[in-house]
Structures are given as structure tokens and as C-alpha cells.
Amino acid sequence: MTSYWRDRWPLVAVGLLVALAGCVESTDGPTVSPPAAKIPLRDPAEGTTPTQTVGDTAAGPQLSRVELANDANFRDVVLKSEVPVLVDFHATWCGPCKIIAPVLDELSLETPGVKVVKVDIDESPGLAAEYNVEGVPSLFVFSSGRVVYQHVGLASKAEMLRMLARGKGQ
């Protein structure tokens, strides 16, 4: 194995597993879940659209306070925030982005005094270019309008909490 692939094979293997996981169907038949409803908590004209996802699950209703930002509202949502902000630069086609989405939903509810924001790089290419996002997911922590920490790739909930702690310490 060349030295190039020796260091990268775990990433390739995880990518293949994620891709295959989306292609495998259950042999028990299809699982039908009730559709989730997206309920805007604020007027979308204000620029931010935090959502509350409501759907019946075994654990009860699911909630999320993740805000969506784009080229037009990023300044108001992130840079002018009075609290630290964890920004997930993601893409809808990205398998690892789908894996961390539920973790971001949990953090948005469980972590008072911080914001969790998602930016779709395909819908906001200007922001992706401005912050040199070369891979997704890319997690940035902003405090007082500046980047205090960044991470590219999958991150555990514990890692995200450590990232946010750096933002609170600024």
C-alpha cells in the first residue's frame, strides 16, 4: 500500500460504509415513520428560521433549535450574536453531515447560552469561499464575530462541547 493510501484508508472505508448504508433495505419490509412537521418559530422574513421538528417517536416529540443561515443573513445570525455560535457548514448530499445532524439537534436543546447554526454550502457558496470550507462537514465556533475554533469532518458530541467551551472562554 502506498504511503498516500495507508494514511487515508480509514476515511475511504467510512465513506463507503456510509454510502452503502443508504443503499441497504431492511429484509423485514419497509419502516414507515410519521412525517415530521416543520414549524417556524420566527418569521422567515427576519432572516433566521429556527425550526421545531415535531413527530411522534418512541422517545416522544423531537425538537430542534438549529437555525439556518445563508449568504444574506449570516452577519445577523452569526457574526452579531451575543453568544458563541457553532456553525455547521454542510451539504445535503454529504453522508457524514447526515450522521452529525441529530447530534447538532441535541446540542441546540441541551446547551444553553450558545447557538447552533447550519449553512448549506451549495446554497451559500459565498460563505463557503469566505471561510475556506474545503470539506464537509466543517464546524466553526464563532465568538464575538470571529472564528475561535474550526474542525473538518465528523465530530462526537463531546468534541463539539469542547469546541463550544473554547467559544465561551473567549
C-alpha atoms as a PDB file:
ATOM      1  CA  MET A   1       0.000   0.000   0.000  1.00  0.00           C
ATOM      2  CA  THR A   2       1.444   3.370  -0.906  1.00  0.00           C
ATOM      3  CA  SER A   3       2.014   5.847   1.891  1.00  0.00           C
ATOM      4  CA  TYR A   4      -0.716   8.079   0.461  1.00  0.00           C
ATOM      5  CA  TRP A   5      -3.448   5.427   0.884  1.00  0.00           C
ATOM      6  CA  ARG A   6      -2.014   3.923   4.068  1.00  0.00           C
ATOM      7  CA  ASP A   7      -2.978   7.070   5.991  1.00  0.00           C
ATOM      8  CA  ARG A   8      -6.301   7.617   4.245  1.00  0.00           C
ATOM      9  CA  TRP A   9      -7.872   4.161   4.045  1.00  0.00           C
ATOM     10  CA  PRO A  10      -9.938   4.628   7.248  1.00  0.00           C
ATOM     11  CA  LEU A  11     -11.632   7.704   5.747  1.00  0.00           C
ATOM     12  CA  VAL A  12     -12.309   5.862   2.499  1.00  0.00           C
ATOM     13  CA  ALA A  13     -13.710   2.879   4.399  1.00  0.00           C
ATOM     14  CA  VAL A  14     -16.049   5.063   6.476  1.00  0.00           C
ATOM     15  CA  GLY A  15     -17.215   6.862   3.330  1.00  0.00           C
ATOM     16  CA  LEU A  16     -18.003   3.563   1.633  1.00  0.00           C
ATOM     17  CA  LEU A  17     -19.874   2.280   4.675  1.00  0.00           C
ATOM     18  CA  VAL A  18     -21.953   5.452   4.868  1.00  0.00           C
ATOM     19  CA  ALA A  19     -22.725   5.231   1.143  1.00  0.00           C
ATOM     20  CA  LEU A  20     -23.675   1.569   1.405  1.00  0.00           C
ATOM     21  CA  ALA A  21     -25.821   2.148   4.488  1.00  0.00           C
ATOM     22  CA  GLY A  22     -28.089   4.371   2.438  1.00  0.00           C
ATOM     23  CA  CYS A  23     -28.464   1.669  -0.226  1.00  0.00           C
ATOM     24  CA  VAL A  24     -29.391  -1.247   2.010  1.00  0.00           C
ATOM     25  CA  GLU A  25     -33.049  -2.081   2.558  1.00  0.00           C
ATOM     26  CA  SER A  26     -34.418  -3.938   5.543  1.00  0.00           C
ATOM     27  CA  THR A  27     -35.464  -7.537   4.940  1.00  0.00           C
ATOM     28  CA  ASP A  28     -38.310  -7.074   7.433  1.00  0.00           C
ATOM     29  CA  GLY A  29     -40.086  -4.775   4.999  1.00  0.00           C
ATOM     30  CA  PRO A  30     -40.200  -1.014   4.840  1.00  0.00           C
ATOM     31  CA  THR A  31     -40.378   1.002   8.017  1.00  0.00           C
ATOM     32  CA  VAL A  32     -42.937   3.771   7.896  1.00  0.00           C
ATOM     33  CA  SER A  33     -42.476   6.748  10.160  1.00  0.00           C
ATOM     34  CA  PRO A  34     -44.994   9.517  10.553  1.00  0.00           C
ATOM     35  CA  PRO A  35     -43.963  12.608   8.638  1.00  0.00           C
ATOM     36  CA  ALA A  36     -42.323  15.315  10.696  1.00  0.00           C
ATOM     37  CA  ALA A  37     -43.775  18.800  10.561  1.00  0.00           C
ATOM     38  CA  LYS A  38     -41.537  21.842  10.384  1.00  0.00           C
ATOM     39  CA  ILE A  39     -42.984  24.711  12.374  1.00  0.00           C
ATOM     40  CA  PRO A  40     -41.229  28.090  12.019  1.00  0.00           C
ATOM     41  CA  LEU A  41     -40.617  29.728  15.386  1.00  0.00           C
ATOM     42  CA  ARG A  42     -39.866  33.123  13.834  1.00  0.00           C
ATOM     43  CA  ASP A  43     -40.960  34.931  10.734  1.00  0.00           C
ATOM     44  CA  PRO A  44     -38.683  33.793   7.863  1.00  0.00           C
ATOM     45  CA  ALA A  45     -38.574  37.411   6.700  1.00  0.00           C
ATOM     46  CA  GLU A  46     -36.476  38.170   9.792  1.00  0.00           C
ATOM     47  CA  GLY A  47     -33.668  36.185   8.198  1.00  0.00           C
ATOM     48  CA  THR A  48     -33.484  33.284  10.631  1.00  0.00           C
ATOM     49  CA  THR A  49     -35.661  30.248  10.624  1.00  0.00           C
ATOM     50  CA  PRO A  50     -35.088  28.138  13.689  1.00  0.00           C
ATOM     51  CA  THR A  51     -37.252  25.098  13.359  1.00  0.00           C
ATOM     52  CA  GLN A  52     -39.117  22.881  15.701  1.00  0.00           C
ATOM     53  CA  THR A  53     -39.493  19.382  14.335  1.00  0.00           C
ATOM     54  CA  VAL A  54     -42.491  17.629  15.740  1.00  0.00           C
ATOM     55  CA  GLY A  55     -43.114  13.958  15.102  1.00  0.00           C
ATOM     56  CA  ASP A  56     -44.234  11.040  17.216  1.00  0.00           C
ATOM     57  CA  THR A  57     -41.340   8.738  18.075  1.00  0.00           C
ATOM     58  CA  ALA A  58     -40.758   6.135  20.744  1.00  0.00           C
ATOM     59  CA  ALA A  59     -38.890   8.758  22.780  1.00  0.00           C
ATOM     60  CA  GLY A  60     -41.634  11.387  22.349  1.00  0.00           C
ATOM     61  CA  PRO A  61     -41.614  14.550  20.270  1.00  0.00           C
ATOM     62  CA  GLN A  62     -38.334  15.625  18.700  1.00  0.00           C
ATOM     63  CA  LEU A  63     -37.294  19.251  18.980  1.00  0.00           C
ATOM     64  CA  SER A  64     -34.531  21.261  17.406  1.00  0.00           C
ATOM     65  CA  ARG A  65     -33.465  24.865  17.750  1.00  0.00           C
ATOM     66  CA  VAL A  66     -30.884  24.722  14.980  1.00  0.00           C
ATOM     67  CA  GLU A  67     -31.026  27.943  12.965  1.00  0.00           C
ATOM     68  CA  LEU A  68     -30.466  28.133   9.239  1.00  0.00           C
ATOM     69  CA  ALA A  69     -28.192  30.798   7.807  1.00  0.00           C
ATOM     70  CA  ASN A  70     -27.219  31.814   4.299  1.00  0.00           C
ATOM     71  CA  ASP A  71     -25.272  34.495   2.436  1.00  0.00           C
ATOM     72  CA  ALA A  72     -27.998  37.061   3.157  1.00  0.00           C
ATOM     73  CA  ASN A  73     -28.455  36.610   6.921  1.00  0.00           C
ATOM     74  CA  PHE A  74     -25.130  35.168   8.153  1.00  0.00           C
ATOM     75  CA  ARG A  75     -23.951  38.510   9.521  1.00  0.00           C
ATOM     76  CA  ASP A  76     -27.059  38.957  11.694  1.00  0.00           C
ATOM     77  CA  VAL A  77     -27.407  35.324  12.764  1.00  0.00           C
ATOM     78  CA  VAL A  78     -23.747  34.523  13.452  1.00  0.00           C
ATOM     79  CA  LEU A  79     -21.406  37.492  13.451  1.00  0.00           C
ATOM     80  CA  LYS A  80     -23.650  39.773  15.524  1.00  0.00           C
ATOM     81  CA  SER A  81     -24.593  37.046  18.014  1.00  0.00           C
ATOM     82  CA  GLU A  82     -24.043  37.877  21.659  1.00  0.00           C
ATOM     83  CA  VAL A  83     -23.470  34.194  22.472  1.00  0.00           C
ATOM     84  CA  PRO A  84     -20.986  31.683  20.995  1.00  0.00           C
ATOM     85  CA  VAL A  85     -22.199  30.075  17.769  1.00  0.00           C
ATOM     86  CA  LEU A  86     -21.420  26.590  16.450  1.00  0.00           C
ATOM     87  CA  VAL A  87     -21.761  26.744  12.660  1.00  0.00           C
ATOM     88  CA  ASP A  88     -22.065  23.545  10.636  1.00  0.00           C
ATOM     89  CA  PHE A  89     -21.117  24.110   7.001  1.00  0.00           C
ATOM     90  CA  HIS A  90     -22.807  21.096   5.398  1.00  0.00           C
ATOM     91  CA  ALA A  91     -24.304  19.724   2.178  1.00  0.00           C
ATOM     92  CA  THR A  92     -27.494  17.749   1.669  1.00  0.00           C
ATOM     93  CA  TRP A  93     -25.603  15.072  -0.307  1.00  0.00           C
ATOM     94  CA  CYS A  94     -22.966  14.557   2.428  1.00  0.00           C
ATOM     95  CA  GLY A  95     -23.237  11.285   4.374  1.00  0.00           C
ATOM     96  CA  PRO A  96     -21.175  12.403   7.406  1.00  0.00           C
ATOM     97  CA  CYS A  97     -23.249  15.613   7.549  1.00  0.00           C
ATOM     98  CA  LYS A  98     -26.371  13.469   7.926  1.00  0.00           C
ATOM     99  CA  ILE A  99     -24.681  11.497  10.701  1.00  0.00           C
ATOM    100  CA  ILE A 100     -23.937  14.559  12.851  1.00  0.00           C
ATOM    101  CA  ALA A 101     -27.294  16.296  12.213  1.00  0.00           C
ATOM    102  CA  PRO A 102     -29.054  14.603  15.185  1.00  0.00           C
ATOM    103  CA  VAL A 103     -26.121  15.495  17.446  1.00  0.00           C
ATOM    104  CA  LEU A 104     -26.443  19.142  16.423  1.00  0.00           C
ATOM    105  CA  ASP A 105     -30.182  18.967  17.193  1.00  0.00           C
ATOM    106  CA  GLU A 106     -29.384  17.628  20.687  1.00  0.00           C
ATOM    107  CA  LEU A 107     -26.762  20.305  21.309  1.00  0.00           C
ATOM    108  CA  SER A 108     -29.164  23.030  20.243  1.00  0.00           C
ATOM    109  CA  LEU A 109     -31.547  21.939  23.008  1.00  0.00           C
ATOM    110  CA  GLU A 110     -29.125  20.880  25.722  1.00  0.00           C
ATOM    111  CA  THR A 111     -26.592  23.707  25.596  1.00  0.00           C
ATOM    112  CA  PRO A 112     -27.927  26.965  26.990  1.00  0.00           C
ATOM    113  CA  GLY A 113     -26.151  30.154  26.102  1.00  0.00           C
ATOM    114  CA  VAL A 114     -24.998  29.052  22.646  1.00  0.00           C
ATOM    115  CA  LYS A 115     -26.463  28.942  19.148  1.00  0.00           C
ATOM    116  CA  VAL A 116     -26.234  26.116  16.662  1.00  0.00           C
ATOM    117  CA  VAL A 117     -26.462  27.217  13.032  1.00  0.00           C
ATOM    118  CA  LYS A 118     -26.332  25.289   9.758  1.00  0.00           C
ATOM    119  CA  VAL A 119     -25.158  26.685   6.423  1.00  0.00           C
ATOM    120  CA  ASP A 120     -25.729  24.700   3.223  1.00  0.00           C
ATOM    121  CA  ILE A 121     -22.591  25.253   1.132  1.00  0.00           C
ATOM    122  CA  ASP A 122     -24.444  24.611  -2.121  1.00  0.00           C
ATOM    123  CA  GLU A 123     -26.981  27.334  -1.341  1.00  0.00           C
ATOM    124  CA  SER A 124     -24.378  29.736   0.115  1.00  0.00           C
ATOM    125  CA  PRO A 125     -21.189  29.310  -1.922  1.00  0.00           C
ATOM    126  CA  GLY A 126     -20.053  32.823  -0.988  1.00  0.00           C
ATOM    127  CA  LEU A 127     -19.829  31.896   2.693  1.00  0.00           C
ATOM    128  CA  ALA A 128     -18.093  28.614   1.897  1.00  0.00           C
ATOM    129  CA  ALA A 129     -15.491  30.533  -0.106  1.00  0.00           C
ATOM    130  CA  GLU A 130     -15.111  33.286   2.510  1.00  0.00           C
ATOM    131  CA  TYR A 131     -14.356  30.764   5.269  1.00  0.00           C
ATOM    132  CA  ASN A 132     -12.292  28.452   3.009  1.00  0.00           C
ATOM    133  CA  VAL A 133     -14.594  25.470   3.506  1.00  0.00           C
ATOM    134  CA  GLU A 134     -12.916  22.700   1.540  1.00  0.00           C
ATOM    135  CA  GLY A 135     -14.610  19.694   3.143  1.00  0.00           C
ATOM    136  CA  VAL A 136     -17.921  18.973   4.806  1.00  0.00           C
ATOM    137  CA  PRO A 137     -18.952  18.841   7.478  1.00  0.00           C
ATOM    138  CA  SER A 138     -16.876  21.808   8.639  1.00  0.00           C
ATOM    139  CA  LEU A 139     -17.630  23.012  12.149  1.00  0.00           C
ATOM    140  CA  PHE A 140     -16.707  26.554  13.164  1.00  0.00           C
ATOM    141  CA  VAL A 141     -17.141  28.190  16.543  1.00  0.00           C
ATOM    142  CA  PHE A 142     -17.665  31.948  16.409  1.00  0.00           C
ATOM    143  CA  SER A 143     -17.376  34.211  19.427  1.00  0.00           C
ATOM    144  CA  SER A 144     -17.799  37.985  19.251  1.00  0.00           C
ATOM    145  CA  GLY A 145     -17.962  37.785  15.463  1.00  0.00           C
ATOM    146  CA  ARG A 146     -14.698  35.907  14.908  1.00  0.00           C
ATOM    147  CA  VAL A 147     -13.696  32.304  14.382  1.00  0.00           C
ATOM    148  CA  VAL A 148     -12.170  30.854  17.556  1.00  0.00           C
ATOM    149  CA  TYR A 149     -12.106  27.192  16.541  1.00  0.00           C
ATOM    150  CA  GLN A 150     -12.685  25.053  13.466  1.00  0.00           C
ATOM    151  CA  HIS A 151     -12.842  21.348  12.723  1.00  0.00           C
ATOM    152  CA  VAL A 152     -13.312  19.454   9.449  1.00  0.00           C
ATOM    153  CA  GLY A 153     -15.014  16.056   9.419  1.00  0.00           C
ATOM    154  CA  LEU A 154     -17.075  14.045  11.842  1.00  0.00           C
ATOM    155  CA  ALA A 155     -17.017  15.080  15.480  1.00  0.00           C
ATOM    156  CA  SER A 156     -18.563  13.474  18.538  1.00  0.00           C
ATOM    157  CA  LYS A 157     -20.907  15.289  20.858  1.00  0.00           C
ATOM    158  CA  ALA A 158     -18.117  15.510  23.446  1.00  0.00           C
ATOM    159  CA  GLU A 159     -15.791  17.079  20.859  1.00  0.00           C
ATOM    160  CA  MET A 160     -18.451  19.618  19.905  1.00  0.00           C
ATOM    161  CA  LEU A 161     -18.944  20.511  23.571  1.00  0.00           C
ATOM    162  CA  ARG A 162     -15.175  21.089  23.901  1.00  0.00           C
ATOM    163  CA  MET A 163     -15.292  23.315  20.815  1.00  0.00           C
ATOM    164  CA  LEU A 164     -18.102  25.367  22.331  1.00  0.00           C
ATOM    165  CA  ALA A 165     -16.238  25.643  25.626  1.00  0.00           C
ATOM    166  CA  ARG A 166     -13.431  27.378  23.705  1.00  0.00           C
ATOM    167  CA  GLY A 167     -16.001  29.832  22.360  1.00  0.00           C
ATOM    168  CA  LYS A 168     -17.352  30.564  25.834  1.00  0.00           C
ATOM    169  CA  GLY A 169     -13.809  31.114  27.131  1.00  0.00           C
ATOM    170  CA  GLN A 170     -13.131  33.937  24.669  1.00  0.00           C
END
